[in-house]
Structures are given as structure tokens and as C-alpha cells.
Protein backbone atom coordinates (compact mmCIF):
# COMPACT_ATOMS: atom_id res chain seq x y z
CA MET A 1 0.00 0.00 0.00
CA SER A 2 1.41 3.38 -0.99
CA ILE A 3 1.07 6.40 1.28
CA SER A 4 0.82 9.68 -0.59
CA ARG A 5 2.26 12.94 0.73
CA ARG A 6 -1.30 14.23 1.13
CA ARG A 7 -2.15 11.33 3.37
CA LEU A 8 1.19 11.63 5.17
CA LEU A 9 0.43 15.15 6.23
CA GLY A 10 -3.04 14.20 7.40
CA GLY A 11 0.92 11.19 12.61
CA GLY A 12 8.95 2.52 16.92
CA LEU A 13 9.16 -0.20 16.03
CA ALA A 14 9.40 -0.09 19.63
CA LEU A 15 10.93 -3.21 18.68
CA PRO A 16 12.22 -4.33 21.97
CA PHE A 17 15.13 -5.24 19.72
CA LEU A 18 16.16 -7.96 22.09
CA SER A 19 12.69 -8.41 23.53
CA PRO A 20 12.11 -11.37 25.83
CA PHE A 21 9.99 -14.23 24.58
CA ARG A 22 8.20 -16.16 27.27
CA PRO A 23 5.53 -18.78 26.57
CA ARG A 24 2.05 -18.58 27.98
CA PRO A 25 1.91 -20.37 31.31
CA ILE A 26 1.07 -24.06 31.05
CA GLY A 27 -2.52 -24.65 32.01
CA ALA A 28 -3.67 -21.12 31.21
CA ALA A 29 -7.33 -21.02 30.24
CA PRO A 30 -8.09 -20.62 26.51
CA LEU A 31 -9.34 -17.24 25.36
CA PRO A 32 -13.12 -17.00 25.04
CA ALA A 33 -14.60 -16.28 21.64
CA ALA A 34 -15.44 -12.71 22.66
CA ALA A 35 -11.87 -11.87 23.65
CA PRO A 36 -9.84 -9.58 21.37
CA LYS A 37 -6.98 -11.13 19.41
CA ARG A 38 -4.65 -8.16 19.74
CA LEU A 39 -3.74 -5.21 21.95
CA ILE A 40 -2.43 -1.82 20.83
CA VAL A 41 -1.43 0.78 23.43
CA MET A 42 -0.98 4.38 22.27
CA HIS A 43 0.73 6.60 24.80
CA LEU A 44 -0.09 10.32 24.48
CA PRO A 45 2.38 12.21 26.70
CA GLN A 46 2.26 15.26 28.96
CA GLY A 47 -1.35 15.12 30.11
CA THR A 48 -4.25 16.98 28.53
CA VAL A 49 -6.64 19.89 29.04
CA LEU A 50 -9.40 18.18 31.01
CA ARG A 51 -12.01 20.89 30.39
CA ASP A 52 -11.68 20.12 26.65
CA HIS A 53 -11.26 16.38 27.14
CA VAL A 54 -13.98 15.06 29.47
CA PRO A 55 -17.28 14.33 27.63
CA THR A 56 -20.59 15.74 28.77
CA GLY A 57 -23.82 13.80 29.09
CA THR A 58 -24.74 10.38 30.37
CA GLU A 59 -23.12 6.97 30.01
CA THR A 60 -24.83 6.19 26.71
CA ASP A 61 -25.83 9.68 25.53
CA PHE A 62 -22.75 11.87 25.60
CA THR A 63 -20.98 14.51 23.53
CA LEU A 64 -17.32 14.31 22.67
CA PRO A 65 -15.49 17.56 23.55
CA PHE A 66 -12.99 19.44 21.37
CA ILE A 67 -10.00 17.18 22.01
CA LEU A 68 -11.94 13.97 21.34
CA GLU A 69 -13.98 15.27 18.39
CA PRO A 70 -11.70 13.60 15.81
CA LEU A 71 -13.03 10.27 17.12
CA ALA A 72 -16.69 11.10 16.44
CA ALA A 73 -16.93 8.60 13.56
CA PHE A 74 -15.99 5.83 16.01
CA GLN A 75 -18.04 6.96 19.01
CA ASP A 76 -20.06 3.76 19.03
CA ARG A 77 -16.81 1.76 19.14
CA LEU A 78 -15.34 3.71 22.08
CA ILE A 79 -15.37 3.55 25.85
CA THR A 80 -14.23 6.92 27.15
CA ILE A 81 -13.16 6.93 30.79
CA ALA A 82 -12.53 9.83 33.18
CA GLY A 83 -11.39 9.94 36.78
CA LEU A 84 -8.85 7.13 37.31
CA ASP A 85 -6.07 7.69 39.84
CA ASN A 86 -2.53 6.37 39.55
CA LEU A 87 -1.77 5.98 43.25
CA MET A 88 1.62 4.30 42.90
CA PRO A 89 3.74 7.50 43.08
CA THR A 90 2.52 8.01 46.65
CA TYR A 91 4.43 4.85 47.63
CA ASN A 92 7.75 6.16 46.33
CA GLU A 93 10.26 8.12 48.38
CA VAL A 94 12.57 9.14 45.51
CA GLY A 95 12.46 10.21 41.86
CA ASN A 96 11.08 13.27 40.11
CA ALA A 97 7.47 13.72 38.99
CA HIS A 98 8.09 12.28 35.51
CA GLN A 99 9.88 9.18 36.74
CA ASN A 100 7.18 8.60 39.33
CA ALA A 101 4.43 8.78 36.74
CA ASN A 102 6.16 7.13 33.80
CA TYR A 103 7.62 4.13 35.60
CA THR A 104 4.50 3.31 37.60
CA LEU A 105 1.48 3.93 35.34
CA TYR A 106 1.40 0.76 33.24
CA ALA A 107 3.38 -1.30 35.78
CA GLY A 108 0.90 -0.62 38.59
CA ARG A 109 3.71 -0.84 41.12
CA PRO A 110 6.07 1.51 43.00
CA PHE A 111 9.79 1.55 42.18
CA TYR A 112 11.65 -1.75 42.41
CA VAL A 113 13.97 -0.22 45.01
CA GLN A 114 13.79 3.18 46.67
CA ASP A 115 17.15 4.33 45.34
CA SER A 116 17.31 7.42 43.12
CA ASP A 117 20.28 5.92 41.24
CA LEU A 118 18.48 2.66 40.45
CA LEU A 119 15.00 3.73 39.38
CA SER A 120 12.88 1.01 37.80
CA PRO A 121 9.29 -0.19 38.12
CA GLY A 122 8.54 -3.08 40.42
CA GLY A 123 7.50 -5.38 37.59
CA GLU A 124 6.49 -5.73 33.97
CA THR A 125 3.91 -3.39 32.46
CA ILE A 126 0.38 -4.49 31.62
CA GLU A 127 0.87 -4.93 27.86
CA HIS A 128 3.82 -7.26 28.50
CA THR A 129 1.72 -9.47 30.73
CA ILE A 130 -0.87 -9.70 27.95
CA ALA A 131 1.84 -10.31 25.32
CA ARG A 132 3.14 -13.30 27.28
CA ARG A 133 -0.35 -14.76 27.16
CA ILE A 134 -1.43 -14.11 23.57
CA SER A 135 1.76 -13.72 21.47
CA THR A 136 3.07 -17.23 21.98
CA THR A 137 2.96 -18.34 18.33
CA THR A 138 4.01 -15.14 16.56
CA PRO A 139 7.54 -14.25 15.38
CA TYR A 140 7.61 -11.32 17.78
CA LEU A 141 6.42 -11.28 21.36
CA ARG A 142 5.67 -7.58 20.91
CA LEU A 143 6.46 -4.70 18.57
CA ASP A 144 6.98 -1.18 19.87
CA PHE A 145 6.92 1.90 17.67
CA ALA A 146 8.01 5.44 18.54
CA ILE A 147 7.22 8.69 16.77
CA GLY A 148 10.19 11.04 17.10
CA GLY A 149 12.76 10.71 19.84
CA GLY A 150 15.86 11.85 17.99
CA GLU A 151 17.82 10.26 15.17
CA THR A 152 20.40 7.51 15.47
CA SER A 153 22.20 5.50 12.82
CA ASP A 154 20.37 2.30 13.76
CA GLY A 155 16.93 3.92 14.12
CA ILE A 156 16.50 2.62 17.66
CA TYR A 157 15.16 4.92 20.37
CA ASN A 158 16.17 4.05 23.93
CA PRO A 159 14.14 6.14 26.38
CA THR A 160 15.34 7.47 29.71
CA GLU A 161 12.62 9.17 31.75
CA GLY A 162 10.22 8.39 28.91
CA ALA A 163 10.37 4.64 29.53
CA TYR A 164 6.67 3.86 29.93
CA PHE A 165 6.80 0.20 28.87
CA TRP A 166 8.90 -2.44 30.62
CA ALA A 167 9.53 -6.17 30.22
CA GLY A 168 10.36 -6.27 33.93
CA PRO A 169 12.44 -4.47 36.55
CA ASN A 170 15.52 -2.83 35.00
CA ASP A 171 14.36 -3.94 31.53
CA PRO A 172 12.82 -0.99 29.64
CA VAL A 173 11.51 -1.54 26.13
CA ALA A 174 13.42 0.08 23.26
CA TYR A 175 11.75 1.34 20.09
CA LEU A 176 12.47 1.70 16.40
CA ASN A 177 11.51 5.19 15.31
CA ASP A 178 12.88 5.34 11.75
CA PRO A 179 10.13 4.20 9.33
CA LEU A 180 12.60 2.98 6.70
CA MET A 181 14.61 0.97 9.23
CA THR A 182 11.38 -0.42 10.62
CA LEU A 183 10.29 -1.43 7.11
CA VAL A 184 13.50 -3.37 6.50
CA ARG A 185 13.63 -4.97 9.94
CA LEU A 186 10.04 -6.19 9.79
CA PHE A 187 9.51 -6.96 6.12
CA GLY A 188 13.01 -7.44 4.72
CA ASP A 189 15.01 -5.56 2.11
CA GLY A 190 13.08 -5.52 -1.16
CA SER A 191 16.28 -4.89 -3.12
CA VAL A 192 17.70 -8.27 -2.03
CA SER A 193 16.77 -11.38 -4.04
CA PRO A 194 15.01 -14.23 -2.19
CA SER A 195 18.08 -16.46 -2.45
CA ASP A 196 20.38 -13.76 -1.07
CA ALA A 197 17.89 -13.05 1.71
CA TRP A 198 17.87 -16.72 2.71
CA ALA A 199 21.68 -16.80 2.62
CA GLN A 200 21.88 -13.68 4.77
CA ARG A 201 19.39 -15.16 7.20
CA ALA A 202 21.38 -18.41 7.39
CA ARG A 203 24.60 -16.52 8.13
CA ARG A 204 22.96 -14.55 10.91
CA ALA A 205 21.38 -17.67 12.37
CA ALA A 206 24.78 -19.39 12.36
CA VAL A 207 26.37 -16.48 14.23
CA LEU A 208 23.64 -16.48 16.83
CA GLY A 209 23.86 -20.25 17.14
CA GLY A 210 27.58 -19.97 17.83
CA VAL A 211 27.03 -17.34 20.51
CA LEU A 212 24.34 -19.44 22.16
CA GLN A 213 26.63 -22.49 22.09
CA SER A 214 29.39 -20.50 23.80
CA PHE A 215 26.97 -19.65 26.60
CA LYS A 216 26.88 -23.32 27.63
CA GLY A 217 30.56 -23.30 28.54
CA LEU A 218 30.39 -19.89 30.13
CA ARG A 219 27.42 -20.85 32.29
CA ARG A 220 29.45 -23.57 34.03
CA SER A 221 31.86 -20.96 35.33
CA LEU A 222 29.18 -18.67 36.72
CA SER A 223 26.88 -18.80 39.69
CA GLY A 224 24.16 -16.80 41.35
CA GLU A 225 23.38 -13.35 39.97
CA ASP A 226 25.84 -13.61 37.06
CA ARG A 227 24.21 -16.81 35.83
CA ALA A 228 20.78 -15.19 36.07
CA ARG A 229 22.02 -12.29 33.92
CA LEU A 230 23.40 -14.73 31.35
CA ASP A 231 20.13 -16.66 31.29
CA ALA A 232 18.19 -13.46 30.66
CA HIS A 233 20.54 -12.51 27.82
CA GLU A 234 20.27 -16.00 26.33
CA GLU A 235 16.49 -15.76 26.39
CA LYS A 236 16.64 -12.56 24.34
CA LEU A 237 19.09 -14.09 21.89
CA LEU A 238 16.77 -17.06 21.43
CA GLU A 239 13.97 -14.65 20.55
CA LEU A 240 16.26 -12.85 18.09
CA GLU A 241 17.25 -16.18 16.53
CA LYS A 242 13.56 -17.00 16.08
CA ARG A 243 13.02 -13.71 14.25
CA VAL A 244 16.01 -14.30 11.98
CA VAL A 245 14.92 -17.82 11.08
CA ASN A 246 11.24 -17.02 10.57
CA GLY A 247 11.62 -13.69 8.78
CA ALA A 248 8.51 -11.91 7.52
CA GLY A 249 7.00 -14.89 5.70
CA GLU A 250 4.53 -13.94 2.98
CA CYS A 251 3.63 -10.60 4.53
CA ARG A 252 3.62 -7.82 1.94
CA ALA A 253 5.46 -4.69 2.98
CA PRO A 254 3.76 -1.30 2.66
CA SER A 255 5.29 1.25 0.29
CA LEU A 256 6.47 4.37 2.10
CA ASP A 257 6.47 7.63 0.17
CA LEU A 258 8.72 10.01 2.11
CA PRO A 259 8.65 13.76 1.39
CA SER A 260 11.87 15.59 0.57
CA GLY A 261 13.80 16.73 3.62
CA TYR A 262 11.95 14.41 5.97
CA ARG A 263 13.56 14.01 9.43
CA PHE A 264 12.19 11.02 11.29
CA GLY A 265 13.37 12.31 14.67
CA GLN A 266 11.47 15.60 14.40
CA ASP A 267 8.73 15.55 11.75
CA ASP A 268 6.06 13.87 13.86
CA ASP A 269 3.25 14.90 11.51
CA VAL A 270 4.87 12.78 8.79
CA SER A 271 6.12 9.97 11.04
CA ALA A 272 2.80 9.26 12.76
CA PRO A 273 0.83 7.93 9.75
CA LEU A 274 3.93 6.06 8.55
CA MET A 275 4.37 4.25 11.83
CA ILE A 276 0.64 3.56 12.08
CA GLU A 277 0.73 1.98 8.62
CA LEU A 278 3.71 -0.18 9.57
CA LEU A 279 2.07 -1.20 12.85
CA VAL A 280 -1.25 -2.16 11.25
CA THR A 281 0.44 -4.06 8.43
CA ALA A 282 2.69 -5.99 10.81
CA MET A 283 -0.21 -6.96 13.03
CA SER A 284 -2.42 -7.88 10.07
CA CYS A 285 0.28 -10.37 9.08
CA ASP A 286 0.31 -11.75 12.63
CA LEU A 287 3.93 -10.83 13.24
CA THR A 288 2.80 -10.05 16.79
CA ARG A 289 -0.37 -9.70 18.83
CA VAL A 290 0.77 -6.77 21.01
CA SER A 291 2.13 -3.38 19.94
CA THR A 292 2.72 0.02 21.50
CA LEU A 293 2.93 3.41 19.82
CA HIS A 294 4.59 6.21 21.76
CA PHE A 295 5.02 9.90 20.94
CA ALA A 296 8.61 10.28 22.09
CA ASN A 297 9.02 14.04 21.43
CA SER A 298 7.33 15.01 24.67
CA HIS A 299 9.74 17.60 26.08
CA ASP A 300 10.54 20.17 23.41
CA PRO A 301 8.54 19.69 20.19
CA THR A 302 7.22 22.89 18.59
CA PHE A 303 4.34 21.44 16.49
CA PRO A 304 4.78 23.81 13.51
CA TRP A 305 2.07 21.98 11.54
CA LEU A 306 -0.49 23.21 14.12
CA THR A 307 0.30 26.92 13.75
CA ALA A 308 -2.65 27.51 11.40
CA GLU A 309 -5.07 25.75 13.77
CA ASN A 310 -3.78 28.04 16.52
CA GLY A 311 -4.79 31.21 14.65
CA GLY A 312 -1.35 31.64 13.09
CA ARG A 313 0.36 31.72 16.48
CA PRO A 314 3.09 29.20 17.36
CA ILE A 315 2.12 26.52 19.84
CA VAL A 316 5.32 27.21 21.76
CA ASP A 317 5.91 30.95 22.05
CA THR A 318 9.67 31.05 22.61
CA SER A 319 9.44 34.65 23.81
CA GLN A 320 7.65 33.32 26.90
CA TYR A 321 8.57 29.64 27.24
CA ASP A 322 11.70 27.59 26.75
CA ASN A 323 9.90 24.56 25.37
CA TRP A 324 6.66 22.55 25.24
CA HIS A 325 7.33 21.14 28.71
CA ALA A 326 7.31 24.69 30.12
CA VAL A 327 4.05 25.45 28.29
CA VAL A 328 2.15 22.50 29.77
CA HIS A 329 3.38 23.45 33.23
CA ALA A 330 1.95 26.94 32.84
CA ASP A 331 -1.67 26.10 33.57
CA TYR A 332 -3.78 25.84 30.41
CA GLN A 333 -2.10 28.13 27.92
CA PRO A 334 -4.02 28.83 24.68
CA GLY A 335 -3.02 26.40 21.95
CA MET A 336 -2.37 23.40 24.18
CA GLU A 337 -5.73 21.91 23.25
CA HIS A 338 -4.71 21.70 19.58
CA VAL A 339 -1.78 19.43 20.44
CA TYR A 340 -3.92 17.04 22.45
CA ARG A 341 -6.56 17.07 19.71
CA TRP A 342 -3.84 16.25 17.15
CA TYR A 343 -2.79 13.25 19.23
CA HIS A 344 -6.37 11.98 19.07
CA GLU A 345 -6.46 12.59 15.33
CA GLN A 346 -3.70 9.99 15.19
CA VAL A 347 -5.79 7.64 17.33
CA ALA A 348 -8.58 8.13 14.79
CA THR A 349 -6.15 7.35 11.95
CA LEU A 350 -5.22 4.10 13.68
CA LEU A 351 -8.87 3.12 14.17
CA GLN A 352 -9.62 3.96 10.54
CA ARG A 353 -6.77 1.80 9.24
CA LEU A 354 -7.82 -1.07 11.49
CA SER A 355 -11.40 -0.78 10.23
CA GLU A 356 -10.17 -0.99 6.61
CA THR A 357 -7.88 -3.99 7.15
CA GLN A 358 -8.38 -7.73 7.39
CA ASP A 359 -6.00 -9.90 9.39
CA ALA A 360 -4.39 -13.16 8.31
CA ASP A 361 -7.59 -15.02 9.29
CA GLY A 362 -9.79 -12.74 7.19
CA ASP A 363 -11.26 -10.95 10.23
CA ASN A 364 -11.76 -7.20 10.43
CA MET A 365 -8.96 -5.83 12.58
CA LEU A 366 -10.98 -3.20 14.44
CA ASP A 367 -13.50 -5.89 15.37
CA THR A 368 -10.75 -8.09 16.79
CA THR A 369 -8.30 -5.58 18.32
CA CYS A 370 -8.40 -3.77 21.66
CA VAL A 371 -6.93 -0.26 21.50
CA LEU A 372 -5.99 1.71 24.60
CA ALA A 373 -4.96 5.39 24.45
CA MET A 374 -4.05 7.48 27.48
CA SER A 375 -1.52 9.79 29.13
CA GLU A 376 0.50 9.56 32.31
CA TYR A 377 -1.07 12.81 33.59
CA SER A 378 -4.43 14.52 33.64
CA SER A 379 -2.60 17.85 33.42
CA GLY A 380 0.89 18.91 32.40
CA ARG A 381 1.21 20.08 35.98
CA HIS A 382 2.06 16.49 36.97
CA TRP A 383 -1.36 15.43 38.21
CA ASN A 384 -1.63 11.68 38.71
CA ASN A 385 -5.33 11.83 39.63
CA ALA A 386 -8.39 11.92 37.37
CA LEU A 387 -6.56 10.37 34.41
CA PRO A 388 -8.63 10.04 31.24
CA ALA A 389 -8.40 6.84 29.21
CA LEU A 390 -9.87 5.61 25.95
CA LEU A 391 -10.67 2.05 24.89
CA ALA A 392 -11.76 1.19 21.37
CA GLY A 393 -12.52 -1.76 19.11
CA ASN A 394 -12.98 -5.10 20.82
CA VAL A 395 -12.92 -4.80 24.61
CA GLY A 396 -14.01 -8.34 25.36
CA THR A 397 -17.38 -8.47 27.10
CA ALA A 398 -17.52 -4.68 27.54
CA THR A 399 -20.23 -2.76 25.69
CA THR A 400 -18.76 0.10 23.66
CA GLY A 401 -20.35 3.46 22.86
CA ARG A 402 -20.18 4.53 26.51
CA PHE A 403 -18.74 7.27 28.73
CA LEU A 404 -17.72 6.07 32.20
CA ASN A 405 -17.14 8.94 34.60
CA TYR A 406 -15.43 8.03 37.87
CA MET A 407 -14.45 11.60 38.81
CA ASN A 408 -15.11 12.74 42.36
CA GLY A 409 -16.61 16.08 41.43
CA SER A 410 -16.26 18.31 38.39
CA VAL A 411 -13.20 19.32 36.39
CA GLU A 412 -13.45 22.70 38.12
CA ASP A 413 -13.36 20.98 41.52
CA LEU A 414 -10.21 19.14 40.51
CA GLU A 415 -8.57 22.34 39.28
CA ASP A 416 -9.51 24.17 42.49
CA ARG A 417 -7.78 21.40 44.45
CA SER A 418 -4.71 21.48 42.15
CA GLY A 419 -5.25 17.84 41.27
CA TYR A 420 -5.52 16.63 44.87
CA LEU A 421 -8.93 15.06 44.57
CA ASN A 422 -8.96 11.27 44.65
CA SER A 423 -11.78 9.45 42.92
CA GLY A 424 -11.52 6.15 44.76
CA PHE A 425 -10.89 4.28 41.49
CA SER A 426 -7.43 3.32 40.28
CA THR A 427 -5.58 2.60 37.07
CA ASN A 428 -4.72 -0.81 38.52
CA GLN A 429 -8.42 -1.64 38.36
CA LEU A 430 -8.38 -0.77 34.67
CA TRP A 431 -5.41 -3.11 34.15
CA THR A 432 -7.26 -5.90 35.95
CA SER A 433 -10.28 -5.34 33.71
CA LEU A 434 -8.04 -5.42 30.64
CA LEU A 435 -6.64 -8.80 31.68
CA ARG A 436 -10.17 -10.07 32.16
CA ALA A 437 -11.22 -8.67 28.76
CA PHE A 438 -8.53 -10.92 27.28
CA GLY A 439 -9.99 -13.95 29.02
CA GLY A 440 -8.04 -13.95 32.26
CA ASP A 441 -9.51 -14.59 35.68
CA ASP A 442 -7.10 -12.22 37.43
CA ALA A 443 -8.24 -10.77 40.73
CA GLY A 444 -5.82 -7.87 40.46
CA PHE A 445 -2.73 -6.42 38.80
CA GLY A 446 0.27 -4.74 40.36
CA TYR A 447 0.75 -3.62 43.92
CA SER A 448 -2.05 -3.75 46.46
CA ASP A 449 -2.62 -3.18 50.16
CA GLU A 450 -5.59 -2.64 52.42
CA THR A 451 -5.86 1.06 51.47
CA LEU A 452 -6.15 0.55 47.70
CA PRO A 453 -9.23 -0.20 45.60
CA THR A 454 -8.98 -3.75 44.26
CA GLY A 455 -10.49 -5.95 41.59
CA ASP A 456 -11.62 -4.81 38.19
CA LEU A 457 -13.12 -1.44 37.30
CA PRO A 458 -16.82 -1.41 38.25
CA GLY A 459 -19.15 -1.03 35.30
CA LEU A 460 -16.55 -1.53 32.57
CA LEU A 461 -17.08 -5.18 31.69
CA ASP A 462 -20.52 -6.68 31.24
CA SER A 463 -21.38 -9.17 33.96
């Protein structure tokens, strides 16, 4: 499929390049027929403007506000959620506001250790748990895509504070953020003949086989923690070997039409639809069942393509603010809403492509995929309470076309309290519901104690 420049201007492979592959636990219950086949998580950074984000109306008769308006065509396929609290930062004694939010949101746990030099979540993030259950037969356990994040020669983005997704403690996911590198890594080099491609694959497999063989001798000389590290590295090499041997099969690569002067580390308006196309194509070919898509330019993008929408004014007025991060801290500056709306335009693009695409089984992808989109904050002022979330497509037994409002009061009440207004409902309950939507019987996810709400999110899944 070719992407025209017009369509390009209309949003990484977070290929955990050495991503762990772990089989689904023996004895795990089969997925029910209603369960989604796939999970896609889109992370939209730096909060939102809640007054332009939270719908108005009732659960089944509601109006999408300015930021969510781009999703109007899919309103009957959505579950919009308001008012969830990420309570995990309150259990940490160290780390800045971004580390506390980023490392805990999808992990549902405090830091692994309370040491500012060794910050890491206390366990794997929710999408990785689901990947271990449903991506057991695919070439990739998971695929992770980033939009922006700087340019490197290998096209791999390794986040620091922006590490939202983790395979476990001290194991953040890395991303591919160069569309052309992603194309080659996932679908092969079209300029190479099939025989040369097989030869190249055989050479790489032989190298990996030699490395794995050398591990056997090395393991005998190690013990304790060093052996555990070697085992973890071997597990990742085994997954890489599987990718090399299997390749892309019969999956047809999309054709990417890149505009002149394109910079994949900065031109997010061009990168977003490219990465969405690569993600949808890869999942339609069943290369994986779990993907993430992360907007990595969260600190200092300028969003020049939104100047017209902002009345000809720049989104980031450099005469007043150093960068985008300073703008979102400054309490609802005009123009912020256009950025958050643009993020949801990209969510709409993803849903549209899924609705137009059949998977390898001939099923419509939107009908068989669960999409989650959310941010780590409800405001750029580092609020961990009243987080909005969006589910779309197939959410298991949940009825879509609904607005679930768990907020304890109005948006104005939350603003008056500077974000210190707990709802009594947590993001960990959403993660528990997500596991159950995929057929699990989990009673919880992440950290819990007697002070925290437990179980799944009331009212989300049909009884």
C-alpha cells in the first residue's frame, strides 16, 4: 500500500530489539470467543486539558469535547473513561514527577527499590503481561513503535525518563523510530533477491547459534546473579534467533512515500501515519499480537504543523517559554488543546486503518483488536489523579459506545484542588479489567494493600 504525501500530512518499532519471549503459562485457560486477538497501546504524553477532554452527558448519551472530536466517527466503538487515579507514586520516596508517573502507570507498582540511582518499576507493564499470554505463536512477542525521539544510525530509540513500557524491573523496552529501518527490519530488504535473503538469514542464524553455544561453557563458570544475567541474555538471543529464522514470511510490505527533507526524529506529523501503517500491516500479518505506539518528542517539540489551527500563532511561544514542557506546566495556555486534539487525530487514523484492514484469518482488525490510548497525567502540571483513558474496538465483554465517569466532582473541583482530589478508582483496576477482557480470571494487577481499591473497574465489563 502506498502512502501519498497528502495522506502523510493528514501522525517505533518499539521493537524491543532484544525483547524477551516467554511462553504462555502451562494450564492457562483458553481465550473466550469474545476476547480480542490483539492489543495496541498508544501513549499520548504530557497530560491533557481536562475541560476540553472530558465528555458531557450520560453513560450512553454523551458529547465528545474538542480534544476527542476527531473520534466522532468511532463513538459507538469507544469507551471513554474519566477519573482514574494512579496511586503508585505516593508509595515512592525518591524520583522526580516524571519518573514517578512514567515508571508506575502501566506497571501498577512503586519503584523496584527506593534508590534514586536505580529507578525502575517493580515489575512488567500491563501490555507485556498480555503479550506473554497471547503472542506465543508469533515471530515477535511484541512490537513497539516510537514517533520522534531523535535520530540515530540504527533507528533505535532508547528512552530514559520516557520509559513507559517495561519487560520487567531494569528492563525498559526500546523502540524503532525510523520508518525505513522499521520497514526493512520487519519486512526485509526488497532490493535483495530471495536467495540472497535466505543466505543472509542463514549466516545470521549461524552467528547467533555460535554465541548461544558458547553460553553453555560460560554458564558452568558462573553462579548466582551472574548466571541469572546470562540466562536473561540468552532468552533474548533465542527470541532474536527465532526472528532471523522465521523472517517476515509472505507478509507484503507497505510502500512508504517520504517527502523531501523528511527528518524522522522531528517531523512527527509525517512519522505518525507512517508508523501507524507499519504497525497495522505488521499486526495484520500476525507478526505479533501486542504493539505500542509512543510519541517520544514530549519535552521540546514545537508542532509547527499546528500553527494555522492556533490562529497563526506558534504553539510554543519562545518569547515566553523555553519549550513545550514549560508550556504544559503553565496552567492551560491557549493552543495546548490543539496538540492534544492532534494526538487523538492519530488515534482516529489508527482506528480507521484497522477498520479498513483484514488480518491473516480474514477478520476485520478493528472488530478483533483492543486499542488503549491514554496519558501519564491529567494535566501537564504532573497530576496523577483523574486520568482520562480511551478504549476502542474489541474490549471483550464490555459494551462500547459509553462514557464512564469516575471523577469525584467536576473538572473545576479538581482544578480548584490542584489535582488533589482522589476518585476512589485506580488505574490498577483498569489493568485488571483489561486482563479479564482478554480472558483472564485475574483478581488484580500490580501492587495492592488494604488502602487501595482492588479488583476490576466497576461497570466496565458486562457481567
